[in-house]
Amino acid sequence: MPSMNYNLLRNRMADCGITQKECASRIGMSEGTLSRKLAGEYAFKQDEIMAIGEILGIEGDEIGKYFFNPKS
């Protein structure tokens, strides 16, 4: 599986004023686990993607650009 680029997701979190710690807490995940997922060490599960999308106001048709953008 190719590594994903989560820069757009990180930027969206910053734009929404939500820290990694807050986002992780709101989806029932540790900050360390979210950090590792954003670093590409672990894959996001579908329910996590949907929960983060809801928190950040990401529409269903935009999910791909935030979660499935391969690193160049």
N, C-alpha and C. Protein backbone atom coordinates (compact mmCIF):
# COMPACT_ATOMS: atom_id res chain seq x y z
N MET A 1 0.85 -1.18 0.00
CA MET A 1 0.00 0.00 0.00
C MET A 1 0.90 1.24 0.00
N PRO A 2 0.63 2.18 -0.88
CA PRO A 2 1.47 3.39 -0.94
C PRO A 2 1.27 4.26 0.31
N SER A 3 2.31 4.98 0.67
CA SER A 3 2.21 5.92 1.78
C SER A 3 1.32 7.09 1.38
N MET A 4 0.55 7.57 2.33
CA MET A 4 -0.37 8.67 2.05
C MET A 4 0.21 9.99 2.56
N ASN A 5 -0.17 11.05 1.88
CA ASN A 5 0.23 12.40 2.25
C ASN A 5 -0.96 13.03 2.99
N TYR A 6 -0.77 13.30 4.27
CA TYR A 6 -1.84 13.85 5.09
C TYR A 6 -1.67 15.35 5.35
N ASN A 7 -0.87 16.03 4.54
CA ASN A 7 -0.67 17.47 4.74
C ASN A 7 -1.97 18.27 4.64
N LEU A 8 -2.81 17.92 3.67
CA LEU A 8 -4.09 18.64 3.55
C LEU A 8 -4.96 18.43 4.79
N LEU A 9 -4.92 17.23 5.33
CA LEU A 9 -5.69 16.94 6.54
C LEU A 9 -5.15 17.74 7.73
N ARG A 10 -3.84 17.77 7.87
CA ARG A 10 -3.23 18.57 8.94
C ARG A 10 -3.60 20.05 8.79
N ASN A 11 -3.54 20.54 7.55
CA ASN A 11 -3.90 21.95 7.30
C ASN A 11 -5.36 22.21 7.63
N ARG A 12 -6.24 21.27 7.30
CA ARG A 12 -7.67 21.43 7.60
C ARG A 12 -7.89 21.50 9.11
N MET A 13 -7.17 20.65 9.85
CA MET A 13 -7.28 20.68 11.30
C MET A 13 -6.86 22.05 11.82
N ALA A 14 -5.75 22.56 11.32
CA ALA A 14 -5.27 23.87 11.74
C ALA A 14 -6.26 24.97 11.38
N ASP A 15 -6.81 24.91 10.16
CA ASP A 15 -7.78 25.90 9.72
C ASP A 15 -9.03 25.90 10.61
N CYS A 16 -9.39 24.72 11.11
CA CYS A 16 -10.57 24.58 11.97
C CYS A 16 -10.24 24.87 13.43
N GLY A 17 -8.95 25.11 13.72
CA GLY A 17 -8.54 25.39 15.09
C GLY A 17 -8.61 24.18 16.00
N ILE A 18 -8.43 23.00 15.42
CA ILE A 18 -8.51 21.75 16.19
C ILE A 18 -7.12 21.12 16.25
N THR A 19 -6.64 20.90 17.45
CA THR A 19 -5.34 20.27 17.62
C THR A 19 -5.45 18.76 17.41
N GLN A 20 -4.29 18.13 17.20
CA GLN A 20 -4.29 16.66 17.08
C GLN A 20 -4.84 16.04 18.36
N LYS A 21 -4.46 16.61 19.50
CA LYS A 21 -4.91 16.08 20.78
C LYS A 21 -6.43 16.14 20.88
N GLU A 22 -7.01 17.29 20.51
CA GLU A 22 -8.47 17.45 20.58
C GLU A 22 -9.16 16.52 19.60
N CYS A 23 -8.65 16.45 18.39
CA CYS A 23 -9.26 15.58 17.37
C CYS A 23 -9.22 14.13 17.84
N ALA A 24 -8.07 13.70 18.33
CA ALA A 24 -7.93 12.32 18.81
C ALA A 24 -8.91 12.04 19.94
N SER A 25 -9.01 12.95 20.87
CA SER A 25 -9.92 12.79 22.00
C SER A 25 -11.36 12.65 21.53
N ARG A 26 -11.74 13.47 20.57
CA ARG A 26 -13.13 13.47 20.09
C ARG A 26 -13.51 12.21 19.35
N ILE A 27 -12.51 11.48 18.81
CA ILE A 27 -12.83 10.22 18.12
C ILE A 27 -12.45 9.00 18.96
N GLY A 28 -12.05 9.23 20.22
CA GLY A 28 -11.75 8.12 21.12
C GLY A 28 -10.43 7.43 20.83
N MET A 29 -9.43 8.20 20.45
CA MET A 29 -8.12 7.68 20.09
C MET A 29 -7.08 8.47 20.88
N SER A 30 -5.94 7.84 21.15
CA SER A 30 -4.87 8.58 21.82
C SER A 30 -4.21 9.53 20.83
N GLU A 31 -3.64 10.59 21.36
CA GLU A 31 -2.94 11.55 20.50
C GLU A 31 -1.78 10.86 19.78
N GLY A 32 -1.10 9.96 20.47
CA GLY A 32 0.02 9.24 19.86
C GLY A 32 -0.40 8.39 18.68
N THR A 33 -1.54 7.72 18.82
CA THR A 33 -2.04 6.89 17.71
C THR A 33 -2.40 7.76 16.52
N LEU A 34 -3.08 8.88 16.76
CA LEU A 34 -3.42 9.78 15.65
C LEU A 34 -2.15 10.30 15.00
N SER A 35 -1.17 10.67 15.79
CA SER A 35 0.09 11.16 15.25
C SER A 35 0.75 10.11 14.36
N ARG A 36 0.73 8.86 14.80
CA ARG A 36 1.32 7.78 14.00
C ARG A 36 0.53 7.54 12.71
N LYS A 37 -0.76 7.68 12.77
CA LYS A 37 -1.57 7.52 11.57
C LYS A 37 -1.28 8.65 10.58
N LEU A 38 -1.15 9.87 11.11
CA LEU A 38 -0.83 11.01 10.25
C LEU A 38 0.59 10.90 9.67
N ALA A 39 1.45 10.18 10.37
CA ALA A 39 2.82 9.96 9.88
C ALA A 39 2.88 8.80 8.89
N GLY A 40 1.76 8.09 8.72
CA GLY A 40 1.71 6.99 7.77
C GLY A 40 2.16 5.66 8.33
N GLU A 41 2.35 5.57 9.65
CA GLU A 41 2.77 4.31 10.26
C GLU A 41 1.63 3.30 10.32
N TYR A 42 0.40 3.81 10.46
CA TYR A 42 -0.79 2.97 10.51
C TYR A 42 -1.84 3.57 9.59
N ALA A 43 -2.71 2.72 9.08
CA ALA A 43 -3.79 3.19 8.21
C ALA A 43 -4.99 3.63 9.06
N PHE A 44 -5.73 4.59 8.55
CA PHE A 44 -6.98 5.00 9.18
C PHE A 44 -8.05 3.97 8.87
N LYS A 45 -8.91 3.69 9.86
CA LYS A 45 -10.06 2.82 9.65
C LYS A 45 -11.21 3.67 9.12
N GLN A 46 -12.16 3.02 8.47
CA GLN A 46 -13.27 3.75 7.85
C GLN A 46 -14.03 4.59 8.86
N ASP A 47 -14.31 4.03 10.05
CA ASP A 47 -15.07 4.79 11.04
C ASP A 47 -14.28 6.01 11.54
N GLU A 48 -12.96 5.90 11.59
CA GLU A 48 -12.12 7.03 11.99
C GLU A 48 -12.15 8.13 10.93
N ILE A 49 -12.09 7.71 9.68
CA ILE A 49 -12.15 8.67 8.57
C ILE A 49 -13.48 9.43 8.61
N MET A 50 -14.56 8.69 8.81
CA MET A 50 -15.87 9.34 8.83
C MET A 50 -16.00 10.29 10.03
N ALA A 51 -15.49 9.88 11.19
CA ALA A 51 -15.58 10.72 12.39
C ALA A 51 -14.74 11.99 12.23
N ILE A 52 -13.53 11.85 11.71
CA ILE A 52 -12.68 13.02 11.50
C ILE A 52 -13.30 13.93 10.45
N GLY A 53 -13.85 13.34 9.40
CA GLY A 53 -14.52 14.13 8.38
C GLY A 53 -15.66 14.95 8.95
N GLU A 54 -16.41 14.34 9.85
CA GLU A 54 -17.53 15.05 10.48
C GLU A 54 -17.03 16.20 11.35
N ILE A 55 -16.00 15.95 12.13
CA ILE A 55 -15.43 16.98 13.01
C ILE A 55 -14.92 18.17 12.20
N LEU A 56 -14.28 17.86 11.07
CA LEU A 56 -13.65 18.91 10.27
C LEU A 56 -14.54 19.45 9.15
N GLY A 57 -15.77 18.96 9.08
CA GLY A 57 -16.70 19.44 8.06
C GLY A 57 -16.28 19.07 6.65
N ILE A 58 -15.69 17.88 6.50
CA ILE A 58 -15.27 17.41 5.18
C ILE A 58 -16.43 16.63 4.56
N GLU A 59 -16.86 17.07 3.40
CA GLU A 59 -17.96 16.42 2.69
C GLU A 59 -17.51 15.06 2.15
N GLY A 60 -18.45 14.16 1.96
CA GLY A 60 -18.14 12.81 1.48
C GLY A 60 -17.34 12.78 0.20
N ASP A 61 -17.65 13.69 -0.73
CA ASP A 61 -16.93 13.69 -2.01
C ASP A 61 -15.54 14.31 -1.91
N GLU A 62 -15.19 14.86 -0.73
CA GLU A 62 -13.86 15.44 -0.52
C GLU A 62 -12.93 14.50 0.27
N ILE A 63 -13.48 13.43 0.82
CA ILE A 63 -12.70 12.53 1.69
C ILE A 63 -11.42 12.07 1.01
N GLY A 64 -11.50 11.72 -0.26
CA GLY A 64 -10.34 11.19 -0.98
C GLY A 64 -9.14 12.11 -0.97
N LYS A 65 -9.36 13.39 -1.16
CA LYS A 65 -8.21 14.30 -1.23
C LYS A 65 -7.52 14.47 0.12
N TYR A 66 -8.24 14.20 1.22
CA TYR A 66 -7.65 14.32 2.55
C TYR A 66 -7.04 13.01 3.06
N PHE A 67 -7.64 11.88 2.68
CA PHE A 67 -7.21 10.60 3.24
C PHE A 67 -6.56 9.64 2.24
N PHE A 68 -6.72 9.88 0.96
CA PHE A 68 -6.20 8.93 -0.03
C PHE A 68 -5.36 9.65 -1.08
N ASN A 69 -4.47 10.50 -0.62
CA ASN A 69 -3.59 11.28 -1.49
C ASN A 69 -2.18 10.69 -1.35
N PRO A 70 -1.74 9.84 -2.30
CA PRO A 70 -0.43 9.20 -2.16
C PRO A 70 0.71 10.20 -2.16
N LYS A 71 1.74 9.86 -1.38
CA LYS A 71 2.96 10.68 -1.37
C LYS A 71 3.63 10.55 -2.74
N SER A 72 4.24 11.61 -3.18
CA SER A 72 4.92 11.60 -4.48
C SER A 72 6.28 10.95 -4.35
